[in-house]
Protein backbone atom coordinates (compact mmCIF):
# COMPACT_ATOMS: atom_id res chain seq x y z
CA MET A 1 -65.17 -59.49 18.88
CA SER A 2 -68.01 -58.99 22.32
CA SER A 3 -70.09 -55.85 23.00
CA SER A 4 -67.63 -54.82 26.18
CA ASP A 5 -64.56 -55.28 23.82
CA ASP A 6 -66.65 -52.81 21.19
CA ALA A 7 -67.27 -50.51 23.67
CA ALA A 8 -63.94 -50.05 24.59
CA LEU A 9 -62.86 -49.79 21.27
CA ALA A 10 -65.31 -47.30 20.71
CA SER A 11 -63.97 -45.22 23.78
CA ALA A 12 -60.61 -45.47 23.04
CA ARG A 13 -61.51 -43.59 19.44
CA GLN A 14 -63.59 -40.90 20.89
CA ARG A 15 -60.34 -40.08 23.45
CA ILE A 16 -58.33 -40.61 20.45
CA ASP A 17 -60.69 -37.63 18.63
CA ALA A 18 -60.38 -35.65 21.67
CA LEU A 19 -57.06 -35.45 22.15
CA ASP A 20 -56.26 -34.83 17.90
CA GLU A 21 -58.94 -31.50 18.80
CA GLN A 22 -56.69 -30.54 21.63
CA ILE A 23 -53.23 -31.28 19.84
CA GLN A 24 -54.61 -29.44 16.63
CA GLN A 25 -55.78 -26.33 19.12
CA LEU A 26 -52.37 -26.38 20.68
CA ILE A 27 -50.68 -26.48 17.47
CA ALA A 28 -52.65 -23.15 16.16
CA GLU A 29 -52.14 -20.76 19.86
CA ARG A 30 -48.34 -21.67 19.08
CA ALA A 31 -48.48 -20.78 15.32
CA GLY A 32 -50.11 -17.61 16.86
CA VAL A 33 -47.41 -16.55 19.50
CA ALA A 34 -44.90 -17.29 16.45
CA LEU A 35 -46.38 -14.77 14.85
CA ASP A 36 -46.40 -12.49 17.56
CA VAL A 37 -42.88 -13.38 17.96
CA ALA A 38 -42.66 -11.98 14.33
CA ARG A 39 -44.35 -8.89 14.80
CA ILE A 40 -41.82 -8.31 17.85
CA LYS A 41 -38.59 -9.01 15.85
CA GLN A 42 -39.66 -6.92 12.96
CA SER A 43 -40.84 -3.64 15.34
CA GLN A 44 -37.25 -4.23 16.67
CA GLY A 45 -35.71 -4.14 13.23
CA ARG A 46 -34.49 -7.46 13.95
CA SER A 47 -33.55 -10.67 11.05
CA ASP A 48 -32.86 -13.11 12.89
CA PHE A 49 -35.91 -15.31 12.65
CA TYR A 50 -34.26 -19.00 13.36
CA ARG A 51 -31.96 -19.03 15.66
CA PRO A 52 -29.88 -22.02 15.64
CA GLU A 53 -28.97 -22.29 19.57
CA ARG A 54 -33.16 -22.08 20.38
CA GLU A 55 -34.39 -24.73 17.91
CA ALA A 56 -31.27 -26.84 19.77
CA ASP A 57 -32.32 -26.27 23.14
CA VAL A 58 -35.99 -26.82 22.51
CA LEU A 59 -35.10 -30.01 20.88
CA LYS A 60 -33.22 -31.29 23.80
CA ARG A 61 -35.65 -30.71 26.44
CA VAL A 62 -38.58 -32.57 24.10
CA ALA A 63 -36.10 -35.47 24.24
CA ALA A 64 -35.49 -35.18 27.65
CA ARG A 65 -39.00 -35.02 28.48
CA ASN A 66 -40.32 -37.91 26.64
CA ASP A 67 -41.17 -41.27 28.72
CA GLY A 68 -42.43 -42.72 25.47
CA PRO A 69 -43.94 -45.05 23.80
CA LEU A 70 -42.45 -43.34 20.93
CA THR A 71 -38.86 -42.96 20.73
CA ASP A 72 -36.61 -39.48 21.13
CA ALA A 73 -36.17 -39.51 17.11
CA THR A 74 -39.41 -39.75 16.51
CA ILE A 75 -40.88 -37.56 18.84
CA THR A 76 -38.02 -34.44 17.89
CA ARG A 77 -39.01 -35.03 14.39
CA LEU A 78 -42.68 -34.57 14.99
CA MET A 79 -41.95 -31.30 16.99
CA ARG A 80 -39.19 -30.34 14.29
CA GLU A 81 -41.74 -29.97 11.55
CA VAL A 82 -44.49 -28.30 14.14
CA MET A 83 -41.31 -25.72 14.67
CA SER A 84 -40.51 -25.38 10.83
CA ALA A 85 -44.40 -24.45 10.16
CA CYS A 86 -44.46 -22.04 12.70
CA LEU A 87 -41.41 -20.47 11.55
CA ALA A 88 -42.48 -20.58 7.79
CA LEU A 89 -45.56 -18.36 9.17
CA GLU A 90 -42.96 -15.98 10.49
CA SER A 91 -40.45 -15.59 7.90
CA PRO A 92 -39.49 -19.11 5.24
CA LEU A 93 -36.22 -20.03 5.06
CA LYS A 94 -34.57 -20.69 2.00
CA VAL A 95 -31.67 -23.54 2.17
CA ALA A 96 -29.55 -24.26 -0.56
CA TYR A 97 -28.25 -27.60 -0.95
CA LEU A 98 -26.45 -30.40 -3.00
CA GLY A 99 -28.85 -31.41 -5.49
CA PRO A 100 -31.06 -32.40 -7.43
CA GLU A 101 -33.89 -33.64 -5.45
CA GLY A 102 -33.84 -36.74 -3.58
CA THR A 103 -30.22 -36.63 -2.30
CA TYR A 104 -29.15 -37.31 0.96
CA THR A 105 -28.18 -33.84 1.40
CA GLN A 106 -31.78 -32.62 1.12
CA ALA A 107 -33.23 -35.08 3.68
CA ALA A 108 -30.28 -33.66 5.55
CA VAL A 109 -32.03 -30.30 4.71
CA TYR A 110 -35.63 -31.46 6.10
CA LYS A 111 -34.11 -33.65 9.14
CA HIS A 112 -32.55 -30.00 10.20
CA PHE A 113 -35.11 -27.35 9.15
CA GLY A 114 -38.55 -29.48 8.46
CA HIS A 115 -40.24 -29.52 5.18
CA ALA A 116 -41.70 -26.01 5.76
CA VAL A 117 -38.58 -24.31 3.96
CA ASN A 118 -37.88 -23.48 0.38
CA ALA A 119 -34.88 -26.24 -0.36
CA LEU A 120 -33.23 -24.73 -3.40
CA PRO A 121 -31.04 -27.49 -5.35
CA MET A 122 -27.46 -26.59 -6.71
CA ALA A 123 -25.56 -28.52 -9.02
CA ALA A 124 -22.14 -28.25 -7.16
CA ILE A 125 -20.99 -27.53 -3.58
CA ASP A 126 -19.25 -24.26 -4.43
CA GLU A 127 -22.40 -22.76 -5.79
CA ILE A 128 -23.94 -23.65 -2.16
CA PHE A 129 -21.32 -21.14 -0.92
CA ARG A 130 -21.55 -18.76 -3.17
CA GLU A 131 -25.78 -18.49 -3.10
CA VAL A 132 -25.29 -17.83 0.90
CA GLU A 133 -22.70 -15.51 0.67
CA ALA A 134 -24.82 -13.37 -1.85
CA GLY A 135 -27.63 -13.49 0.29
CA ASN A 136 -29.91 -15.48 -1.86
CA ALA A 137 -29.83 -18.46 0.60
CA ASP A 138 -30.28 -18.00 3.93
CA PHE A 139 -28.17 -21.30 5.12
CA GLY A 140 -26.58 -23.89 3.02
CA VAL A 141 -26.01 -27.91 3.80
CA VAL A 142 -23.14 -29.60 2.17
CA PRO A 143 -21.43 -32.84 3.04
CA VAL A 144 -18.66 -33.20 4.89
CA GLU A 145 -17.84 -36.44 5.96
CA ASN A 146 -19.13 -40.39 5.45
CA SER A 147 -18.51 -42.95 8.47
CA THR A 148 -17.01 -45.53 5.83
CA GLU A 149 -15.72 -43.34 2.86
CA GLY A 150 -13.67 -40.15 4.79
CA VAL A 151 -14.27 -36.70 4.39
CA VAL A 152 -15.69 -34.83 1.54
CA SER A 153 -12.59 -32.63 0.10
CA HIS A 154 -14.71 -30.16 -1.59
CA THR A 155 -16.40 -28.99 1.62
CA LEU A 156 -13.29 -28.82 3.47
CA ASP A 157 -11.02 -26.69 0.35
CA GLN A 158 -14.34 -24.23 -0.05
CA LEU A 159 -14.31 -23.68 3.95
CA VAL A 160 -10.57 -22.15 4.04
CA GLY A 161 -11.66 -18.98 1.76
CA SER A 162 -15.18 -18.74 2.36
CA THR A 163 -16.57 -16.28 4.53
CA LEU A 164 -19.64 -18.11 6.10
CA SER A 165 -19.77 -19.43 9.30
CA ILE A 166 -20.71 -23.18 10.49
CA CYS A 167 -24.04 -22.98 12.11
CA GLY A 168 -24.66 -26.34 12.91
CA GLU A 169 -24.00 -29.61 11.94
CA VAL A 170 -26.46 -32.80 10.88
CA ALA A 171 -25.90 -35.95 11.14
CA LEU A 172 -28.15 -38.41 8.52
CA ALA A 173 -28.39 -42.53 8.99
CA VAL A 174 -27.68 -43.17 5.30
CA HIS A 175 -29.53 -46.70 3.92
CA HIS A 176 -28.69 -47.05 0.35
CA HIS A 177 -31.49 -48.80 -1.93
CA LEU A 178 -31.54 -50.11 -5.51
CA LEU A 179 -33.93 -48.21 -7.32
CA SER A 180 -35.20 -49.18 -10.91
CA ASN A 181 -37.95 -49.26 -13.16
CA ALA A 182 -36.75 -53.22 -14.10
CA ARG A 183 -38.63 -55.91 -12.61
CA ASP A 184 -36.04 -57.89 -11.32
CA LEU A 185 -32.23 -58.22 -10.85
CA SER A 186 -31.33 -59.88 -13.55
CA ARG A 187 -32.77 -57.31 -16.09
CA VAL A 188 -30.34 -54.28 -14.44
CA LYS A 189 -27.23 -54.02 -16.88
CA ARG A 190 -25.79 -50.91 -15.42
CA VAL A 191 -25.98 -49.19 -11.83
CA VAL A 192 -25.20 -45.43 -11.14
CA ALA A 193 -24.67 -43.56 -8.15
CA HIS A 194 -22.33 -41.20 -6.74
CA ALA A 195 -18.81 -42.90 -6.37
CA GLN A 196 -18.79 -42.97 -2.57
CA SER A 197 -22.19 -44.90 -2.55
CA LEU A 198 -20.80 -47.29 -4.81
CA ALA A 199 -17.83 -47.83 -2.94
CA GLN A 200 -20.41 -48.13 0.73
CA CYS A 201 -21.96 -51.23 -1.21
CA ARG A 202 -19.31 -52.87 -3.05
CA LYS A 203 -19.56 -56.18 -1.16
CA TRP A 204 -23.28 -55.99 -2.12
CA LEU A 205 -22.80 -54.99 -5.91
CA ASP A 206 -20.15 -57.79 -5.90
CA SER A 207 -22.24 -60.52 -4.51
CA HIS A 208 -25.91 -59.59 -6.23
CA LEU A 209 -24.62 -58.00 -9.56
CA PRO A 210 -21.39 -59.53 -10.79
CA GLY A 211 -20.46 -58.13 -14.14
CA VAL A 212 -22.58 -55.31 -14.14
CA VAL A 213 -21.28 -51.57 -15.13
CA ARG A 214 -21.35 -48.86 -12.68
CA GLU A 215 -21.07 -45.83 -12.97
CA ALA A 216 -20.01 -42.93 -11.04
CA VAL A 217 -21.70 -39.39 -11.28
CA ALA A 218 -22.22 -36.10 -9.36
CA SER A 219 -25.04 -37.42 -6.58
CA ASN A 220 -27.53 -40.06 -5.96
CA GLY A 221 -30.28 -37.78 -6.71
CA GLU A 222 -28.89 -37.28 -9.84
CA ALA A 223 -28.45 -41.24 -10.88
CA ALA A 224 -31.85 -41.51 -9.92
CA ARG A 225 -33.15 -38.86 -12.13
CA MET A 226 -31.08 -40.39 -15.20
CA VAL A 227 -32.39 -44.07 -14.64
CA ALA A 228 -35.89 -42.75 -14.68
CA GLY A 229 -36.52 -42.85 -18.34
CA GLU A 230 -34.26 -46.47 -18.56
CA ARG A 231 -35.54 -50.04 -18.37
CA GLN A 232 -32.05 -51.74 -17.67
CA ALA A 233 -30.63 -49.63 -15.23
CA ALA A 234 -30.52 -49.43 -11.18
CA ALA A 235 -29.78 -46.05 -9.39
CA ILE A 236 -28.15 -46.51 -5.81
CA ALA A 237 -30.39 -43.76 -3.86
CA GLY A 238 -32.11 -42.87 -0.66
CA ARG A 239 -36.01 -43.61 -0.39
CA ALA A 240 -37.10 -39.73 -1.07
CA ALA A 241 -35.31 -40.29 -4.41
CA SER A 242 -37.60 -43.54 -5.03
CA GLU A 243 -40.72 -41.56 -4.61
CA PHE A 244 -39.49 -38.48 -6.42
CA TYR A 245 -38.63 -39.97 -9.65
CA GLU A 246 -41.21 -43.32 -9.46
CA LEU A 247 -38.71 -45.99 -9.33
CA GLY A 248 -39.54 -49.21 -7.45
CA ILE A 249 -37.00 -50.21 -5.26
CA LEU A 250 -35.39 -53.92 -6.40
CA ALA A 251 -33.26 -54.00 -2.90
CA SER A 252 -33.27 -52.57 0.37
CA ASN A 253 -30.53 -51.51 2.60
CA ILE A 254 -27.42 -52.58 0.46
CA GLU A 255 -24.91 -51.01 2.32
CA ASP A 256 -22.18 -52.95 3.26
CA GLU A 257 -21.72 -51.12 6.93
CA PRO A 258 -25.41 -50.84 8.49
CA ASN A 259 -24.06 -47.95 10.62
CA ASN A 260 -23.28 -45.82 7.60
CA THR A 261 -24.06 -42.32 8.42
CA THR A 262 -22.86 -38.78 6.59
CA ARG A 263 -22.44 -35.59 8.36
CA PHE A 264 -23.63 -32.34 7.06
CA LEU A 265 -22.39 -28.64 7.81
CA VAL A 266 -24.88 -26.05 7.90
CA LEU A 267 -23.64 -22.98 6.68
CA GLY A 268 -24.72 -19.12 7.31
CA LYS A 269 -23.72 -15.61 8.62
CA GLN A 270 -24.68 -15.70 12.15
CA ARG A 271 -22.79 -16.42 15.12
CA VAL A 272 -24.39 -18.93 17.45
CA PRO A 273 -24.14 -18.39 21.16
CA ALA A 274 -23.32 -21.65 23.60
CA THR A 275 -26.34 -24.13 23.79
CA GLY A 276 -24.32 -26.31 26.11
CA SER A 277 -23.46 -29.29 24.09
CA ASP A 278 -21.65 -27.46 21.22
CA MET A 279 -18.26 -28.04 18.63
CA THR A 280 -16.13 -25.47 17.91
CA SER A 281 -14.11 -25.81 14.09
CA ILE A 282 -11.03 -24.37 13.22
CA LEU A 283 -8.96 -24.16 10.52
CA VAL A 284 -5.50 -24.17 11.00
CA ALA A 285 -1.78 -23.26 9.09
CA ILE A 286 1.00 -24.39 10.49
CA ARG A 287 5.05 -23.40 10.14
CA ASN A 288 6.97 -26.27 8.52
CA GLN A 289 9.06 -27.10 11.80
CA PRO A 290 9.96 -30.57 13.44
CA GLY A 291 7.41 -31.63 15.45
CA MET A 292 5.25 -28.99 15.30
CA LEU A 293 1.99 -30.94 15.29
CA HIS A 294 2.42 -32.20 18.23
CA ARG A 295 2.77 -28.69 19.84
CA LEU A 296 -0.18 -27.77 18.03
CA LEU A 297 -2.21 -30.02 19.77
CA THR A 298 -0.65 -30.22 23.03
CA PRO A 299 -2.58 -27.13 24.57
CA ALA A 300 -5.91 -29.15 23.92
CA ALA A 301 -4.40 -32.24 26.30
CA ASP A 302 -2.67 -30.09 28.96
CA ALA A 303 -6.58 -28.51 28.76
CA GLY A 304 -8.31 -31.86 28.81
CA VAL A 305 -10.38 -30.51 25.87
CA ASP A 306 -11.13 -33.16 23.32
CA LEU A 307 -10.34 -32.79 19.87
CA ALA A 308 -13.13 -34.73 18.30
CA ARG A 309 -11.56 -34.56 14.61
CA ILE A 310 -8.77 -34.04 12.87
CA GLU A 311 -8.13 -34.16 9.11
CA SER A 312 -5.50 -32.53 6.62
CA ARG A 313 -5.53 -30.99 3.35
CA PRO A 314 -3.13 -29.58 0.84
CA SER A 315 -3.20 -26.30 1.51
CA ARG A 316 -1.77 -25.06 -2.60
CA ARG A 317 0.43 -22.56 -1.27
CA GLN A 318 3.33 -24.67 -1.74
CA ALA A 319 4.33 -28.53 -2.39
CA TRP A 320 3.86 -30.64 0.56
CA ASP A 321 1.94 -28.21 2.84
CA TYR A 322 -0.63 -28.33 5.05
CA ASN A 323 -4.20 -26.95 6.29
CA PHE A 324 -5.34 -28.81 9.26
CA PHE A 325 -9.49 -28.96 9.99
CA ILE A 326 -9.90 -29.50 13.94
CA ASP A 327 -12.69 -29.98 15.39
CA ILE A 328 -13.14 -29.37 19.12
CA GLU A 329 -15.75 -30.20 22.13
CA GLY A 330 -17.39 -26.98 23.41
CA HIS A 331 -17.60 -23.47 22.16
CA ALA A 332 -15.56 -20.83 21.53
CA ASP A 333 -17.06 -18.66 23.93
CA GLU A 334 -15.87 -21.02 26.66
CA GLU A 335 -12.97 -19.99 28.76
CA ARG A 336 -11.21 -23.51 28.45
CA VAL A 337 -11.83 -23.84 24.96
CA ARG A 338 -11.55 -20.44 24.06
CA ARG A 339 -7.67 -20.54 25.67
CA VAL A 340 -6.98 -23.67 23.91
CA ILE A 341 -7.52 -21.83 20.72
CA GLU A 342 -5.38 -18.94 21.61
CA ALA A 343 -2.65 -21.36 22.51
CA ILE A 344 -2.97 -23.18 18.95
CA GLU A 345 -3.15 -19.78 17.94
CA SER A 346 0.61 -18.74 18.72
CA GLN A 347 2.17 -21.92 17.43
CA ALA A 348 0.54 -21.78 14.05
CA ALA A 349 1.06 -19.63 11.10
CA MET A 350 -2.74 -18.75 10.82
CA LEU A 351 -5.85 -19.57 12.20
CA LYS A 352 -9.24 -19.25 11.77
CA VAL A 353 -12.41 -20.03 13.51
CA LEU A 354 -15.01 -21.82 11.62
CA GLY A 355 -17.49 -21.49 13.58
CA ALA A 356 -19.27 -22.69 17.03
CA TYR A 357 -22.51 -25.13 16.80
CA PRO A 358 -24.87 -26.92 18.54
CA ARG A 359 -23.87 -30.35 18.17
CA ALA A 360 -26.31 -33.19 15.75
CA ILE A 361 -29.07 -34.96 17.21
CA SER A 362 -27.49 -38.34 16.73
CA PRO A 363 -28.85 -40.33 13.47
CA GLU A 364 -31.14 -43.50 14.29
CA HIS A 365 -29.62 -46.75 12.45
CA GLY A 366 -32.16 -49.46 12.02
């Protein structure tokens, strides 16, 4: 390397050091303002330190003004962590999720709230609802749908009787890894994972581990915990589980569908104002009459309002009676959406607005 190159490298490093100092000073300044906000809210007797619509708006503007070279996903992730740390100075959030540690639901918590939260692992989805309803957690995060395996019925069933509202959603790109203490695939005699993950990796398992026993458990985090003490078993889980349980990665990205995405719901007690990029979820029970579902959905088509998703679940009221879960693009406070909901309600036996909330930031695949 020439002396001119050495000088250029030294100059670049000096600029990086100066920029690092400026960034650190600005983060500290932002944290100070966050403390001022906390004091103002406390003097007003307010406890709404976390505002989903405010967070969504900030991150939307972060992505809009990004000119690279970092991707939108990267720059918003960095900003999310700054916001998370500053919010923790105001009032640390407690967020319940489907545990144990190392699950994709925990990853969804950190993607949505950042790492400066108190993440509380729960053993089952109904426990998450109860913890938030009881006030033991500020929010809960639950899986609701996978792009290849469909809906998570337990979550939909819990929404029927819950007093909680959907405050947000998280779209997480799911990459499955084969974790084990074994040195190579030939030593693996058993594969443990959540049933959906086993299904999502079926072709890979058939090809690389034919005849190996597959065991379904409650979560991938639980699978990783189970095999951490074994030598001839492997778990399907995420990279975070590998780090948490100190397991080696025998194979990466073993999912059959490369764009595998799981959608999670953020549950809380607060009502979220419109942001301009929102979703409204409703629960509808219909009268058992011919053509009723068609009449139910016609108002949305007439108004040009998109129905992003329709799922049915047995109502448990009587045989062949169903509840419909419908996602409407837009916020319930928007006039056109409100009119559609009112028209649907006029035809339905029962309608419940489950929540209106900011749309998820798109997952990053690769």
